[in-house]
N, C-alpha and C. Protein backbone atom coordinates (compact mmCIF):
# COMPACT_ATOMS: atom_id res chain seq x y z
N MET A 1 0.84 -1.46 0.12
CA MET A 1 0.01 0.08 0.01
C MET A 1 0.42 1.62 0.13
N LYS A 2 0.21 2.13 -1.00
CA LYS A 2 1.12 3.32 -0.89
C LYS A 2 0.72 4.09 0.72
N PRO A 3 1.87 5.08 0.89
CA PRO A 3 1.73 5.64 2.24
C PRO A 3 0.91 6.69 2.58
N LEU A 4 0.76 7.71 1.24
CA LEU A 4 -0.22 8.87 1.10
C LEU A 4 -1.97 7.62 1.05
N PHE A 5 -2.57 6.72 1.11
CA PHE A 5 -2.98 5.69 0.72
C PHE A 5 -3.80 5.97 2.48
N LEU A 6 -2.69 5.52 3.27
CA LEU A 6 -2.60 4.82 4.46
C LEU A 6 -2.65 6.63 5.01
N ILE A 7 -2.42 7.14 4.74
CA ILE A 7 -2.88 8.85 5.76
C ILE A 7 -3.98 9.33 5.27
N ASP A 8 -5.12 9.40 3.35
CA ASP A 8 -5.88 9.39 4.05
C ASP A 8 -7.23 8.39 4.45
N ARG A 9 -6.29 7.50 4.74
CA ARG A 9 -7.77 6.61 5.35
C ARG A 9 -7.67 6.72 6.71
N LEU A 10 -6.59 6.94 7.39
CA LEU A 10 -6.26 7.88 8.47
C LEU A 10 -7.31 8.49 8.65
N ALA A 11 -6.68 9.78 7.75
CA ALA A 11 -7.31 11.46 7.97
C ALA A 11 -9.34 11.10 7.66
N ASP A 12 -9.36 10.09 6.61
CA ASP A 12 -11.05 9.91 6.53
C ASP A 12 -11.64 9.61 8.20
N SER A 13 -10.91 8.57 8.83
CA SER A 13 -11.23 7.60 9.75
C SER A 13 -11.67 8.76 10.83
N LEU A 14 -10.16 9.71 11.46
CA LEU A 14 -10.32 10.30 11.97
C LEU A 14 -11.10 11.61 12.10
N HIS A 15 -11.50 11.84 10.64
CA HIS A 15 -12.70 13.34 10.49
C HIS A 15 -13.91 12.39 10.93
N ALA A 16 -14.03 11.39 10.86
CA ALA A 16 -15.84 10.48 10.77
C ALA A 16 -16.15 10.56 12.61
N TRP A 17 -14.92 9.98 13.00
CA TRP A 17 -15.25 9.93 14.37
C TRP A 17 -15.15 11.37 14.87
N HIS A 18 -14.15 12.23 14.44
CA HIS A 18 -14.85 13.95 15.10
C HIS A 18 -17.08 14.11 14.89
N GLU A 19 -17.14 13.39 13.24
CA GLU A 19 -18.75 13.83 13.22
C GLU A 19 -18.69 13.05 14.68
N ARG A 20 -18.58 11.70 14.37
CA ARG A 20 -19.73 10.85 15.46
C ARG A 20 -19.84 11.45 16.83
N HIS A 21 -18.64 12.43 17.04
CA HIS A 21 -18.28 12.65 18.70
C HIS A 21 -19.36 14.37 18.46
N LEU A 22 -19.20 14.78 17.50
CA LEU A 22 -20.15 16.16 17.49
C LEU A 22 -21.83 15.99 17.53
N VAL A 23 -22.13 15.22 17.06
CA VAL A 23 -23.11 14.24 16.56
C VAL A 23 -23.54 13.95 18.06
N ARG A 24 -23.01 13.45 18.62
CA ARG A 24 -23.30 12.03 20.05
C ARG A 24 -23.45 13.75 21.15
N ASP A 25 -22.50 14.09 21.22
CA ASP A 25 -22.69 15.47 22.22
C ASP A 25 -23.39 17.01 21.97
N SER A 26 -23.91 17.03 20.42
CA SER A 26 -24.86 18.17 20.56
C SER A 26 -26.22 17.10 20.68
N LEU A 27 -26.55 15.83 20.76
CA LEU A 27 -27.68 15.87 21.11
C LEU A 27 -27.91 15.19 22.84
N ALA A 28 -26.43 14.76 23.42
CA ALA A 28 -27.01 14.58 24.32
C ALA A 28 -26.76 16.21 25.10
N GLY A 29 -26.20 17.10 24.48
CA GLY A 29 -26.72 18.35 25.50
C GLY A 29 -28.22 18.41 25.27
N MET A 30 -29.30 18.01 24.96
CA MET A 30 -30.54 18.31 24.63
C MET A 30 -31.41 17.80 25.61
N SER A 31 -32.43 18.39 25.82
CA SER A 31 -33.03 17.80 27.20
C SER A 31 -33.72 17.07 26.47
N ASP A 32 -34.33 16.12 27.54
CA ASP A 32 -35.43 15.12 27.23
C ASP A 32 -36.68 15.25 26.11
N ARG A 33 -37.14 16.42 26.58
CA ARG A 33 -38.44 17.39 25.66
C ARG A 33 -37.45 17.71 24.23
N GLU A 34 -36.89 17.86 24.48
CA GLU A 34 -36.61 18.27 22.98
C GLU A 34 -35.69 16.99 21.80
N LEU A 35 -35.55 16.20 22.89
CA LEU A 35 -35.03 14.75 22.17
C LEU A 35 -36.62 14.12 21.25
N ALA A 36 -37.31 14.12 22.34
CA ALA A 36 -38.70 13.51 22.43
C ALA A 36 -39.18 14.54 20.72
N ASP A 37 -39.14 15.79 20.66
CA ASP A 37 -39.70 16.72 19.54
C ASP A 37 -38.89 16.08 18.40
N ILE A 38 -37.92 15.36 18.60
CA ILE A 38 -37.30 15.03 17.04
C ILE A 38 -37.22 13.36 17.09
N GLY A 39 -37.70 12.88 18.07
CA GLY A 39 -38.64 11.89 17.39
C GLY A 39 -37.02 10.88 18.52
N LEU A 40 -36.61 10.85 19.29
CA LEU A 40 -35.38 10.64 19.79
C LEU A 40 -35.21 9.89 21.56
N THR A 41 -34.79 9.50 22.07
CA THR A 41 -34.97 9.50 23.31
C THR A 41 -33.22 8.80 23.51
N ARG A 42 -32.05 9.41 25.09
CA ARG A 42 -31.22 9.37 25.12
C ARG A 42 -30.98 7.89 25.21
N ASP A 43 -31.66 7.07 24.96
CA ASP A 43 -30.65 5.91 24.78
C ASP A 43 -30.81 5.42 22.77
N ASP A 44 -30.71 6.25 22.31
CA ASP A 44 -30.99 6.64 20.79
C ASP A 44 -30.20 7.34 20.70
N ILE A 45 -29.42 8.11 20.89
CA ILE A 45 -28.03 9.03 20.79
C ILE A 45 -26.88 8.15 20.14
N ASP A 46 -27.02 7.27 21.21
CA ASP A 46 -25.32 6.62 20.36
C ASP A 46 -25.91 5.65 18.49
N ALA A 47 -26.66 5.07 18.74
CA ALA A 47 -26.94 4.62 17.43
C ALA A 47 -27.36 6.13 16.21
N VAL A 48 -27.91 6.73 16.89
CA VAL A 48 -27.68 8.19 15.54
C VAL A 48 -26.49 8.68 15.59
N ALA A 49 -25.50 8.91 16.89
CA ALA A 49 -24.50 9.18 16.03
C ALA A 49 -23.37 8.11 14.78
N ASP A 50 -23.75 6.71 15.41
CA ASP A 50 -23.02 6.01 14.98
C ASP A 50 -23.63 5.40 13.32
N GLY A 51 -24.55 6.73 12.89
CA GLY A 51 -25.75 5.64 12.17
C GLY A 51 -26.09 4.35 11.75
N ARG A 52 -26.33 4.27 13.04
CA ARG A 52 -27.07 2.67 12.73
C ARG A 52 -29.00 3.36 13.24
N PHE A 53 -29.33 4.15 13.58
CA PHE A 53 -30.60 4.50 13.88
C PHE A 53 -31.49 4.21 12.75
N GLY A 54 -32.35 3.58 13.00
CA GLY A 54 -32.94 2.38 11.75
C GLY A 54 -33.24 1.51 11.33
N LYS A 55 -32.12 1.47 10.98
CA LYS A 55 -31.37 0.55 10.29
C LYS A 55 -31.72 -1.40 10.16
N ASP A 56 -32.16 -1.56 11.82
CA ASP A 56 -33.12 -2.36 12.24
C ASP A 56 -34.69 -2.20 11.18
N ALA A 57 -34.99 -0.95 11.14
CA ALA A 57 -36.25 -1.11 11.05
C ALA A 57 -36.69 -0.87 8.88
N GLU A 58 -35.66 -0.91 8.61
CA GLU A 58 -35.48 -0.47 6.88
C GLU A 58 -35.12 -2.31 6.75
N ARG A 59 -33.98 -3.35 6.97
CA ARG A 59 -34.53 -4.83 6.98
C ARG A 59 -35.40 -5.01 7.01
N LEU A 60 -36.64 -5.01 7.38
CA LEU A 60 -37.76 -5.64 7.93
C LEU A 60 -39.06 -5.63 6.82
N HIS A 61 -38.76 -4.19 5.91
CA HIS A 61 -39.54 -3.80 5.19
C HIS A 61 -38.73 -4.39 3.59
């Protein structure tokens, strides 16, 4: 593998981690009422940040 490819992959991974971190922090900073207004609960935060929210429901259809 070329070194630049590895650096690009690392940069992409770090960017994705940072985006998940920002989403998780933003949602965690919301009140339970605000989360409910957008159809979420505190238990949903990790799934939303990781891009897994609603994936199981999509497989059923």
